PDB file of N, CA and C in Angstrom:
ATOM      1  N   MET A   1       0.593  -1.455   0.179  1.00  0.00           N
ATOM      2  CA  MET A   1      -0.080   0.183  -0.102  1.00  0.00           C
ATOM      3  C   MET A   1       0.864   1.478  -0.197  1.00  0.00           C
ATOM      4  N   THR A   2       0.534   2.128  -0.903  1.00  0.00           N
ATOM      5  CA  THR A   2       1.428   3.477  -0.892  1.00  0.00           C
ATOM      6  C   THR A   2       0.293   4.525  -0.672  1.00  0.00           C
ATOM      7  N   GLN A   3       1.064   5.556   0.108  1.00  0.00           N
ATOM      8  CA  GLN A   3       0.204   6.169   1.029  1.00  0.00           C
ATOM      9  C   GLN A   3       1.167   7.429   1.329  1.00  0.00           C
ATOM     10  N   VAL A   4       0.367   8.734   1.096  1.00  0.00           N
ATOM     11  CA  VAL A   4       1.239   9.685   1.600  1.00  0.00           C
ATOM     12  C   VAL A   4      -0.374  10.724   2.389  1.00  0.00           C
ATOM     13  N   GLU A   5       0.623  10.962   3.375  1.00  0.00           N
ATOM     14  CA  GLU A   5      -0.011  12.161   4.242  1.00  0.00           C
ATOM     15  C   GLU A   5       0.537  13.496   4.848  1.00  0.00           C
ATOM     16  N   TRP A   6      -0.205  14.513   4.740  1.00  0.00           N
ATOM     17  CA  TRP A   6       0.784  15.587   5.014  1.00  0.00           C
ATOM     18  C   TRP A   6      -0.056  15.909   6.258  1.00  0.00           C
ATOM     19  N   THR A   7       0.645  16.864   7.604  1.00  0.00           N
ATOM     20  CA  THR A   7      -0.084  16.975   8.613  1.00  0.00           C
ATOM     21  C   THR A   7       0.656  17.778   9.246  1.00  0.00           C
ATOM     22  N   GLN A   8      -0.233  18.995   9.665  1.00  0.00           N
ATOM     23  CA  GLN A   8       0.967  19.747  10.633  1.00  0.00           C
ATOM     24  C   GLN A   8       1.221  19.426  11.912  1.00  0.00           C
ATOM     25  N   HIS A   9       2.550  20.576  12.348  1.00  0.00           N
ATOM     26  CA  HIS A   9       2.886  19.105  13.767  1.00  0.00           C
ATOM     27  C   HIS A   9       3.657  20.587  14.450  1.00  0.00           C
ATOM     28  N   SER A  10       3.279  20.453  15.650  1.00  0.00           N
ATOM     29  CA  SER A  10       3.599  21.950  16.611  1.00  0.00           C
ATOM     30  C   SER A  10       2.686  23.162  15.990  1.00  0.00           C
ATOM     31  N   GLY A  11       2.611  23.090  15.541  1.00  0.00           N
ATOM     32  CA  GLY A  11       1.647  24.921  14.701  1.00  0.00           C
ATOM     33  C   GLY A  11       3.118  25.657  13.894  1.00  0.00           C
ATOM     34  N   ASP A  12       3.877  24.605  13.884  1.00  0.00           N
ATOM     35  CA  ASP A  12       5.127  25.548  13.117  1.00  0.00           C
ATOM     36  C   ASP A  12       5.599  24.448  12.089  1.00  0.00           C
ATOM     37  N   TRP A  13       5.301  23.560  11.848  1.00  0.00           N
ATOM     38  CA  TRP A  13       5.860  22.972  10.691  1.00  0.00           C
ATOM     39  C   TRP A  13       4.951  22.108  10.225  1.00  0.00           C
ATOM     40  N   VAL A  14       5.512  21.688   9.113  1.00  0.00           N
ATOM     41  CA  VAL A  14       4.258  20.919   7.957  1.00  0.00           C
ATOM     42  C   VAL A  14       5.334  19.458   8.103  1.00  0.00           C
ATOM     43  N   HIS A  15       4.490  17.834   8.105  1.00  0.00           N
ATOM     44  CA  HIS A  15       5.686  17.093   7.997  1.00  0.00           C
ATOM     45  C   HIS A  15       4.983  16.040   6.633  1.00  0.00           C
ATOM     46  N   TYR A  16       5.917  15.809   5.760  1.00  0.00           N
ATOM     47  CA  TYR A  16       5.645  14.859   4.923  1.00  0.00           C
ATOM     48  C   TYR A  16       5.995  13.346   4.854  1.00  0.00           C
ATOM     49  N   VAL A  17       4.981  12.922   5.204  1.00  0.00           N
ATOM     50  CA  VAL A  17       5.032  11.367   5.545  1.00  0.00           C
ATOM     51  C   VAL A  17       4.542  10.356   4.036  1.00  0.00           C
ATOM     52  N   PHE A  18       5.719  10.135   3.397  1.00  0.00           N
ATOM     53  CA  PHE A  18       5.305   8.706   2.220  1.00  0.00           C
ATOM     54  C   PHE A  18       5.472   7.775   2.587  1.00  0.00           C
ATOM     55  N   GLN A  19       4.517   6.576   2.703  1.00  0.00           N
ATOM     56  CA  GLN A  19       4.932   4.957   2.505  1.00  0.00           C
ATOM     57  C   GLN A  19       4.679   4.488   1.235  1.00  0.00           C
ATOM     58  N   VAL A  20       6.469   3.630   0.901  1.00  0.00           N
ATOM     59  CA  VAL A  20       6.474   3.119  -0.439  1.00  0.00           C
ATOM     60  C   VAL A  20       6.419   1.948  -0.025  1.00  0.00           C
ATOM     61  N   ASN A  21       5.728   0.876  -0.726  1.00  0.00           N
ATOM     62  CA  ASN A  21       5.913  -0.808  -0.233  1.00  0.00           C
ATOM     63  C   ASN A  21       6.531  -0.882   1.225  1.00  0.00           C
ATOM     64  N   GLY A  22       5.741  -0.617   1.984  1.00  0.00           N
ATOM     65  CA  GLY A  22       6.555  -0.913   3.301  1.00  0.00           C
ATOM     66  C   GLY A  22       7.230   0.187   3.812  1.00  0.00           C
ATOM     67  N   SER A  23       7.775   0.802   3.142  1.00  0.00           N
ATOM     68  CA  SER A  23       8.660   1.616   3.830  1.00  0.00           C
ATOM     69  C   SER A  23       8.700   3.231   3.950  1.00  0.00           C
ATOM     70  N   GLU A  24       8.557   4.037   5.065  1.00  0.00           N
ATOM     71  CA  GLU A  24       8.327   5.237   5.155  1.00  0.00           C
ATOM     72  C   GLU A  24       9.782   6.296   5.430  1.00  0.00           C
ATOM     73  N   TYR A  25       8.869   7.331   4.488  1.00  0.00           N
ATOM     74  CA  TYR A  25      10.160   8.596   4.447  1.00  0.00           C
ATOM     75  C   TYR A  25       9.535   9.905   4.768  1.00  0.00           C
ATOM     76  N   THR A  26      10.151  10.509   5.643  1.00  0.00           N
ATOM     77  CA  THR A  26       9.479  11.977   5.696  1.00  0.00           C
ATOM     78  C   THR A  26      10.716  13.274   5.508  1.00  0.00           C
ATOM     79  N   GLY A  27       9.762  14.155   5.506  1.00  0.00           N
ATOM     80  CA  GLY A  27      10.500  15.649   5.188  1.00  0.00           C
ATOM     81  C   GLY A  27       9.301  16.679   5.860  1.00  0.00           C
ATOM     82  N   GLU A  28      10.072  17.679   5.991  1.00  0.00           N
ATOM     83  CA  GLU A  28       9.299  18.983   6.407  1.00  0.00           C
ATOM     84  C   GLU A  28       9.697  20.157   6.270  1.00  0.00           C
ATOM     85  N   SER A  29       8.581  20.898   6.388  1.00  0.00           N
ATOM     86  CA  SER A  29       9.284  22.179   6.327  1.00  0.00           C
ATOM     87  C   SER A  29       8.638  23.193   7.179  1.00  0.00           C
ATOM     88  N   PRO A  30       8.829  24.960   7.039  1.00  0.00           N
ATOM     89  CA  PRO A  30       8.555  25.592   7.862  1.00  0.00           C
ATOM     90  C   PRO A  30       7.098  26.104   7.476  1.00  0.00           C
ATOM     91  N   LEU A  31       5.436  25.883   8.246  1.00  0.00           N
ATOM     92  CA  LEU A  31       4.468  26.197   8.007  1.00  0.00           C
ATOM     93  C   LEU A  31       4.124  27.607   7.365  1.00  0.00           C
ATOM     94  N   GLY A  32       4.671  28.721   8.013  1.00  0.00           N
ATOM     95  CA  GLY A  32       5.262  29.798   7.200  1.00  0.00           C
ATOM     96  C   GLY A  32       5.525  29.967   6.368  1.00  0.00           C
ATOM     97  N   ALA A  33       6.651  29.317   5.649  1.00  0.00           N
ATOM     98  CA  ALA A  33       6.849  29.462   3.955  1.00  0.00           C
ATOM     99  C   ALA A  33       5.548  28.514   3.459  1.00  0.00           C
ATOM    100  N   MET A  34       4.835  27.650   3.754  1.00  0.00           N
ATOM    101  CA  MET A  34       3.827  27.143   2.966  1.00  0.00           C
ATOM    102  C   MET A  34       2.811  27.971   2.546  1.00  0.00           C
ATOM    103  N   ALA A  35       2.419  28.702   4.209  1.00  0.00           N
ATOM    104  CA  ALA A  35       1.752  29.791   3.844  1.00  0.00           C
ATOM    105  C   ALA A  35       1.084  30.970   3.282  1.00  0.00           C
ATOM    106  N   SER A  36       2.740  31.180   3.881  1.00  0.00           N
ATOM    107  CA  SER A  36       2.517  33.288   2.862  1.00  0.00           C
ATOM    108  C   SER A  36       4.020  32.687   2.406  1.00  0.00           C
ATOM    109  N   PRO A  37       4.048  32.353   1.249  1.00  0.00           N
ATOM    110  CA  PRO A  37       5.769  32.542   0.027  1.00  0.00           C
ATOM    111  C   PRO A  37       5.942  33.645  -0.108  1.00  0.00           C
ATOM    112  N   ALA A  38       7.026  33.761   0.123  1.00  0.00           N
ATOM    113  CA  ALA A  38       7.759  35.212  -0.982  1.00  0.00           C
ATOM    114  C   ALA A  38       8.180  34.528  -2.126  1.00  0.00           C
ATOM    115  N   VAL A  39       8.581  35.907  -2.911  1.00  0.00           N
ATOM    116  CA  VAL A  39       9.121  35.339  -3.888  1.00  0.00           C
ATOM    117  C   VAL A  39      10.327  34.819  -3.931  1.00  0.00           C
ATOM    118  N   GLY A  40      10.334  33.734  -4.943  1.00  0.00           N
ATOM    119  CA  GLY A  40      12.039  32.825  -4.628  1.00  0.00           C
ATOM    120  C   GLY A  40      12.457  32.105  -3.652  1.00  0.00           C
ATOM    121  N   GLN A  41      11.308  32.470  -2.582  1.00  0.00           N
ATOM    122  CA  GLN A  41      11.515  31.359  -1.574  1.00  0.00           C
ATOM    123  C   GLN A  41      11.370  29.745  -1.274  1.00  0.00           C
ATOM    124  N   SER A  42      12.183  29.560  -1.219  1.00  0.00           N
ATOM    125  CA  SER A  42      12.183  28.149  -1.035  1.00  0.00           C
ATOM    126  C   SER A  42      12.286  26.995  -0.021  1.00  0.00           C
ATOM    127  N   ILE A  43      11.708  25.845  -0.180  1.00  0.00           N
ATOM    128  CA  ILE A  43      11.744  24.944   1.047  1.00  0.00           C
ATOM    129  C   ILE A  43      12.072  23.407   0.592  1.00  0.00           C
ATOM    130  N   PRO A  44      12.681  22.856   1.497  1.00  0.00           N
ATOM    131  CA  PRO A  44      13.063  21.337   1.200  1.00  0.00           C
ATOM    132  C   PRO A  44      11.995  20.286   0.670  1.00  0.00           C
ATOM    133  N   ILE A  45      11.995  19.742  -0.525  1.00  0.00           N
ATOM    134  CA  ILE A  45      11.217  18.544  -0.966  1.00  0.00           C
ATOM    135  C   ILE A  45      11.995  17.437  -0.082  1.00  0.00           C
ATOM    136  N   VAL A  46      10.875  16.504   0.288  1.00  0.00           N
ATOM    137  CA  VAL A  46      11.541  15.415   0.763  1.00  0.00           C
ATOM    138  C   VAL A  46      12.087  14.407  -0.899  1.00  0.00           C
ATOM    139  N   TYR A  47      13.109  13.201  -0.319  1.00  0.00           N
ATOM    140  CA  TYR A  47      14.221  12.695  -1.348  1.00  0.00           C
ATOM    141  C   TYR A  47      13.395  11.525  -1.164  1.00  0.00           C
ATOM    142  N   LEU A  48      13.285  10.560  -1.872  1.00  0.00           N
ATOM    143  CA  LEU A  48      12.608   9.267  -1.817  1.00  0.00           C
ATOM    144  C   LEU A  48      13.765   8.601  -2.725  1.00  0.00           C
ATOM    145  N   PRO A  49      14.840   8.212  -1.843  1.00  0.00           N
ATOM    146  CA  PRO A  49      16.169   7.216  -3.021  1.00  0.00           C
ATOM    147  C   PRO A  49      15.404   5.732  -3.918  1.00  0.00           C
ATOM    148  N   SER A  50      14.266   5.419  -3.508  1.00  0.00           N
ATOM    149  CA  SER A  50      13.666   3.909  -3.564  1.00  0.00           C
ATOM    150  C   SER A  50      12.834   3.778  -4.608  1.00  0.00           C
ATOM    151  N   ASN A  51      12.099   4.726  -4.728  1.00  0.00           N
ATOM    152  CA  ASN A  51      11.056   5.174  -6.138  1.00  0.00           C
ATOM    153  C   ASN A  51      11.772   5.734  -7.369  1.00  0.00           C
ATOM    154  N   PRO A  52      11.652   5.346  -8.370  1.00  0.00           N
ATOM    155  CA  PRO A  52      12.217   6.191  -9.195  1.00  0.00           C
ATOM    156  C   PRO A  52      11.223   6.818 -10.205  1.00  0.00           C
ATOM    157  N   HIS A  53       9.577   6.850 -10.193  1.00  0.00           N
ATOM    158  CA  HIS A  53       8.811   7.642  -9.924  1.00  0.00           C
ATOM    159  C   HIS A  53       9.262   9.021  -9.041  1.00  0.00           C
ATOM    160  N   ILE A  54       9.331   8.794  -8.021  1.00  0.00           N
ATOM    161  CA  ILE A  54       9.194   9.789  -6.824  1.00  0.00           C
ATOM    162  C   ILE A  54      10.654  11.017  -7.104  1.00  0.00           C
ATOM    163  N   ASN A  55      12.074  10.158  -7.641  1.00  0.00           N
ATOM    164  CA  ASN A  55      13.070  10.670  -7.863  1.00  0.00           C
ATOM    165  C   ASN A  55      13.298  11.875  -8.792  1.00  0.00           C
ATOM    166  N   THR A  56      12.012  11.548 -10.054  1.00  0.00           N
ATOM    167  CA  THR A  56      11.938  12.469 -11.021  1.00  0.00           C
ATOM    168  C   THR A  56      11.174  13.551 -10.583  1.00  0.00           C
ATOM    169  N   LEU A  57      10.403  13.682  -9.103  1.00  0.00           N
ATOM    170  CA  LEU A  57       9.641  14.405  -8.611  1.00  0.00           C
ATOM    171  C   LEU A  57       9.911  15.574  -7.807  1.00  0.00           C
ATOM    172  N   ALA A  58      11.204  14.645  -6.658  1.00  0.00           N
ATOM    173  CA  ALA A  58      11.657  15.379  -5.540  1.00  0.00           C
ATOM    174  C   ALA A  58      12.986  14.838  -5.289  1.00  0.00           C
ATOM    175  N   ASN A  59      13.904  15.570  -6.267  1.00  0.00           N
ATOM    176  CA  ASN A  59      15.494  14.821  -6.145  1.00  0.00           C
ATOM    177  C   ASN A  59      15.789  15.484  -5.134  1.00  0.00           C
ATOM    178  N   GLY A  60      15.521  16.038  -4.506  1.00  0.00           N
ATOM    179  CA  GLY A  60      16.754  16.234  -2.628  1.00  0.00           C
ATOM    180  C   GLY A  60      16.900  17.926  -2.738  1.00  0.00           C
ATOM    181  N   GLU A  61      17.415  18.933  -3.808  1.00  0.00           N
ATOM    182  CA  GLU A  61      17.075  19.668  -4.102  1.00  0.00           C
ATOM    183  C   GLU A  61      15.860  20.588  -3.263  1.00  0.00           C
ATOM    184  N   GLU A  62      16.531  22.227  -3.254  1.00  0.00           N
ATOM    185  CA  GLU A  62      15.018  23.025  -2.846  1.00  0.00           C
ATOM    186  C   GLU A  62      15.077  23.940  -3.591  1.00  0.00           C
ATOM    187  N   ALA A  63      13.319  23.495  -3.977  1.00  0.00           N
ATOM    188  CA  ALA A  63      12.412  24.006  -5.157  1.00  0.00           C
ATOM    189  C   ALA A  63      11.482  24.747  -4.313  1.00  0.00           C
ATOM    190  N   ASP A  64      10.873  26.002  -5.141  1.00  0.00           N
ATOM    191  CA  ASP A  64       9.797  26.986  -5.257  1.00  0.00           C
ATOM    192  C   ASP A  64       8.889  26.324  -4.044  1.00  0.00           C
ATOM    193  N   TRP A  65       7.910  26.809  -3.591  1.00  0.00           N
ATOM    194  CA  TRP A  65       6.744  26.160  -2.882  1.00  0.00           C
ATOM    195  C   TRP A  65       5.916  25.522  -3.608  1.00  0.00           C
ATOM    196  N   LEU A  66       5.644  26.323  -4.543  1.00  0.00           N
ATOM    197  CA  LEU A  66       4.633  25.916  -5.669  1.00  0.00           C
ATOM    198  C   LEU A  66       4.763  25.133  -6.293  1.00  0.00           C
ATOM    199  N   GLN A  67       5.972  24.998  -6.801  1.00  0.00           N
ATOM    200  CA  GLN A  67       6.588  23.571  -7.906  1.00  0.00           C
ATOM    201  C   GLN A  67       6.817  22.721  -6.825  1.00  0.00           C
ATOM    202  N   SER A  68       6.812  22.483  -5.496  1.00  0.00           N
ATOM    203  CA  SER A  68       6.681  21.652  -4.652  1.00  0.00           C
ATOM    204  C   SER A  68       5.236  21.136  -5.092  1.00  0.00           C
ATOM    205  N   LEU A  69       3.676  22.243  -4.390  1.00  0.00           N
ATOM    206  CA  LEU A  69       2.856  21.822  -4.613  1.00  0.00           C
ATOM    207  C   LEU A  69       2.621  21.176  -5.991  1.00  0.00           C
ATOM    208  N   ILE A  70       2.813  21.873  -7.206  1.00  0.00           N
ATOM    209  CA  ILE A  70       2.227  20.899  -8.179  1.00  0.00           C
ATOM    210  C   ILE A  70       3.020  19.558  -8.067  1.00  0.00           C
ATOM    211  N   ARG A  71       4.190  19.474  -8.002  1.00  0.00           N
ATOM    212  CA  ARG A  71       5.015  17.961  -7.837  1.00  0.00           C
ATOM    213  C   ARG A  71       3.998  17.430  -6.951  1.00  0.00           C
ATOM    214  N   ALA A  72       3.839  17.424  -6.132  1.00  0.00           N
ATOM    215  CA  ALA A  72       3.126  16.881  -4.908  1.00  0.00           C
ATOM    216  C   ALA A  72       1.919  16.234  -5.959  1.00  0.00           C
ATOM    217  N   LEU A  73       0.963  17.331  -6.520  1.00  0.00           N
ATOM    218  CA  LEU A  73      -0.377  17.012  -7.050  1.00  0.00           C
ATOM    219  C   LEU A  73       0.012  15.811  -8.303  1.00  0.00           C
ATOM    220  N   ARG A  74       0.924  15.726  -8.953  1.00  0.00           N
ATOM    221  CA  ARG A  74       1.616  14.795  -9.943  1.00  0.00           C
ATOM    222  C   ARG A  74       2.262  13.708  -9.447  1.00  0.00           C
ATOM    223  N   LEU A  75       2.593  13.507  -8.415  1.00  0.00           N
ATOM    224  CA  LEU A  75       3.018  12.486  -7.418  1.00  0.00           C
ATOM    225  C   LEU A  75       1.712  11.546  -7.113  1.00  0.00           C
ATOM    226  N   VAL A  76       0.819  12.280  -6.753  1.00  0.00           N
ATOM    227  CA  VAL A  76      -0.405  11.746  -6.861  1.00  0.00           C
ATOM    228  C   VAL A  76      -0.866  10.976  -7.727  1.00  0.00           C
ATOM    229  N   GLN A  77      -0.907  11.871  -8.428  1.00  0.00           N
ATOM    230  CA  GLN A  77      -1.241  10.982 -10.216  1.00  0.00           C
ATOM    231  C   GLN A  77      -0.530  10.040 -10.637  1.00  0.00           C
ATOM    232  N   VAL A  78       0.729  10.233 -10.763  1.00  0.00           N
ATOM    233  CA  VAL A  78       1.528   8.893 -10.853  1.00  0.00           C
ATOM    234  C   VAL A  78       1.523   7.865 -10.402  1.00  0.00           C
ATOM    235  N   LEU A  79       1.470   7.898  -8.826  1.00  0.00           N
ATOM    236  CA  LEU A  79       0.873   7.010  -7.868  1.00  0.00           C
ATOM    237  C   LEU A  79      -0.466   6.430  -7.525  1.00  0.00           C
ATOM    238  N   GLU A  80      -1.017   7.023  -8.341  1.00  0.00           N
ATOM    239  CA  GLU A  80      -2.673   6.826  -8.092  1.00  0.00           C
ATOM    240  C   GLU A  80      -2.989   6.845  -6.705  1.00  0.00           C
ATOM    241  N   VAL A  81      -2.649   7.542  -5.817  1.00  0.00           N
ATOM    242  CA  VAL A  81      -2.695   7.499  -4.357  1.00  0.00           C
ATOM    243  C   VAL A  81      -3.997   8.491  -4.046  1.00  0.00           C
ATOM    244  N   PRO A  82      -4.835   7.437  -3.620  1.00  0.00           N
ATOM    245  CA  PRO A  82      -5.978   8.010  -2.755  1.00  0.00           C
ATOM    246  C   PRO A  82      -6.054   9.028  -1.769  1.00  0.00           C
ATOM    247  N   LEU A  83      -5.910  10.107  -1.285  1.00  0.00           N
ATOM    248  CA  LEU A  83      -5.721  10.980  -0.583  1.00  0.00           C
ATOM    249  C   LEU A  83      -6.867  11.651   0.294  1.00  0.00           C
ATOM    250  N   GLY A  84      -7.046  11.931   1.818  1.00  0.00           N
ATOM    251  CA  GLY A  84      -7.803  12.050   2.087  1.00  0.00           C
ATOM    252  C   GLY A  84      -8.493  13.710   1.921  1.00  0.00           C
ATOM    253  N   VAL A  85      -9.443  13.698   2.702  1.00  0.00           N
ATOM    254  CA  VAL A  85     -10.150  15.266   2.284  1.00  0.00           C
ATOM    255  C   VAL A  85      -9.761  16.404   2.966  1.00  0.00           C
ATOM    256  N   LEU A  86      -8.551  16.259   3.708  1.00  0.00           N
ATOM    257  CA  LEU A  86      -7.790  17.089   4.298  1.00  0.00           C
ATOM    258  C   LEU A  86      -6.977  17.067   3.803  1.00  0.00           C
ATOM    259  N   ALA A  87      -5.889  16.294   3.108  1.00  0.00           N
ATOM    260  CA  ALA A  87      -4.755  16.793   2.559  1.00  0.00           C
ATOM    261  C   ALA A  87      -5.110  17.658   1.570  1.00  0.00           C
ATOM    262  N   VAL A  88      -6.147  16.665   0.435  1.00  0.00           N
ATOM    263  CA  VAL A  88      -6.679  17.544  -0.831  1.00  0.00           C
ATOM    264  C   VAL A  88      -7.066  19.095  -0.223  1.00  0.00           C
ATOM    265  N   GLY A  89      -7.957  19.301   0.728  1.00  0.00           N
ATOM    266  CA  GLY A  89      -8.274  20.420   0.672  1.00  0.00           C
ATOM    267  C   GLY A  89      -7.508  21.145   1.797  1.00  0.00           C
ATOM    268  N   TYR A  90      -6.180  20.978   1.876  1.00  0.00           N
ATOM    269  CA  TYR A  90      -4.849  21.877   2.471  1.00  0.00           C
ATOM    270  C   TYR A  90      -4.063  21.962   1.531  1.00  0.00           C
ATOM    271  N   LEU A  91      -3.862  21.547   0.130  1.00  0.00           N
ATOM    272  CA  LEU A  91      -3.160  22.126  -1.092  1.00  0.00           C
ATOM    273  C   LEU A  91      -3.841  22.737  -1.730  1.00  0.00           C
ATOM    274  N   ARG A  92      -5.387  22.612  -1.550  1.00  0.00           N
ATOM    275  CA  ARG A  92      -5.885  23.504  -2.756  1.00  0.00           C
ATOM    276  C   ARG A  92      -5.991  24.551  -2.086  1.00  0.00           C
ATOM    277  N   TYR A  93      -5.880  25.283  -0.602  1.00  0.00           N
ATOM    278  CA  TYR A  93      -6.061  26.029  -0.177  1.00  0.00           C
ATOM    279  C   TYR A  93      -4.887  26.967  -0.187  1.00  0.00           C
ATOM    280  N   LEU A  94      -3.395  25.964  -0.058  1.00  0.00           N
ATOM    281  CA  LEU A  94      -2.083  26.490  -0.441  1.00  0.00           C
ATOM    282  C   LEU A  94      -2.070  27.403  -1.833  1.00  0.00           C
ATOM    283  N   GLY A  95      -3.037  26.452  -2.953  1.00  0.00           N
ATOM    284  CA  GLY A  95      -2.677  27.461  -3.935  1.00  0.00           C
ATOM    285  C   GLY A  95      -3.644  28.512  -4.201  1.00  0.00           C
ATOM    286  N   LYS A  96      -5.023  28.344  -3.463  1.00  0.00           N
ATOM    287  CA  LYS A  96      -5.962  30.037  -3.464  1.00  0.00           C
ATOM    288  C   LYS A  96      -4.741  31.180  -2.823  1.00  0.00           C
ATOM    289  N   ARG A  97      -4.310  30.999  -1.400  1.00  0.00           N
ATOM    290  CA  ARG A  97      -3.296  31.837  -0.744  1.00  0.00           C
ATOM    291  C   ARG A  97      -2.392  32.265  -2.166  1.00  0.00           C
ATOM    292  N   TYR A  98      -1.598  31.335  -2.826  1.00  0.00           N
ATOM    293  CA  TYR A  98      -0.359  32.146  -3.224  1.00  0.00           C
ATOM    294  C   TYR A  98      -1.178  32.805  -4.441  1.00  0.00           C
ATOM    295  N   VAL A  99      -2.388  32.467  -5.335  1.00  0.00           N
ATOM    296  CA  VAL A  99      -3.135  32.811  -5.906  1.00  0.00           C
ATOM    297  C   VAL A  99      -3.396  34.367  -5.973  1.00  0.00           C
ATOM    298  N   ARG A 100      -4.342  34.484  -4.589  1.00  0.00           N
ATOM    299  CA  ARG A 100      -4.665  36.124  -4.115  1.00  0.00           C
ATOM    300  C   ARG A 100      -3.796  36.634  -3.696  1.00  0.00           C
ATOM    301  N   GLY A 101      -2.489  36.085  -3.378  1.00  0.00           N
ATOM    302  CA  GLY A 101      -1.091  36.882  -3.002  1.00  0.00           C
ATOM    303  C   GLY A 101      -1.423  36.909  -1.301  1.00  0.00           C
ATOM    304  N   LYS A 102      -2.021  36.113  -0.512  1.00  0.00           N
ATOM    305  CA  LYS A 102      -2.041  36.698   0.867  1.00  0.00           C
ATOM    306  C   LYS A 102      -0.802  35.676   1.474  1.00  0.00           C
TER     307      LYS A 102
END
């Protein structure tokens, strides 16, 4: 079973938890960077060495947070992962905040 989980932890960090074929990989980024991105601001993306599909989406380098969002959505399409309503809602929330510039 493959699962992607996006959770908020301690009010300050967003944690990414990817489970691929029974192996779990995690990453994290400041919630402030996700919710209020500045032009050119970067956050880390998790690197998953065991899955070639994910390697092409998250290569371990820092990337613009909006690119991270787009890559996460592509990751869901590539892996055909059913995300929970909360995770999908959170991704949409981040996208709307970026478009509105708030």
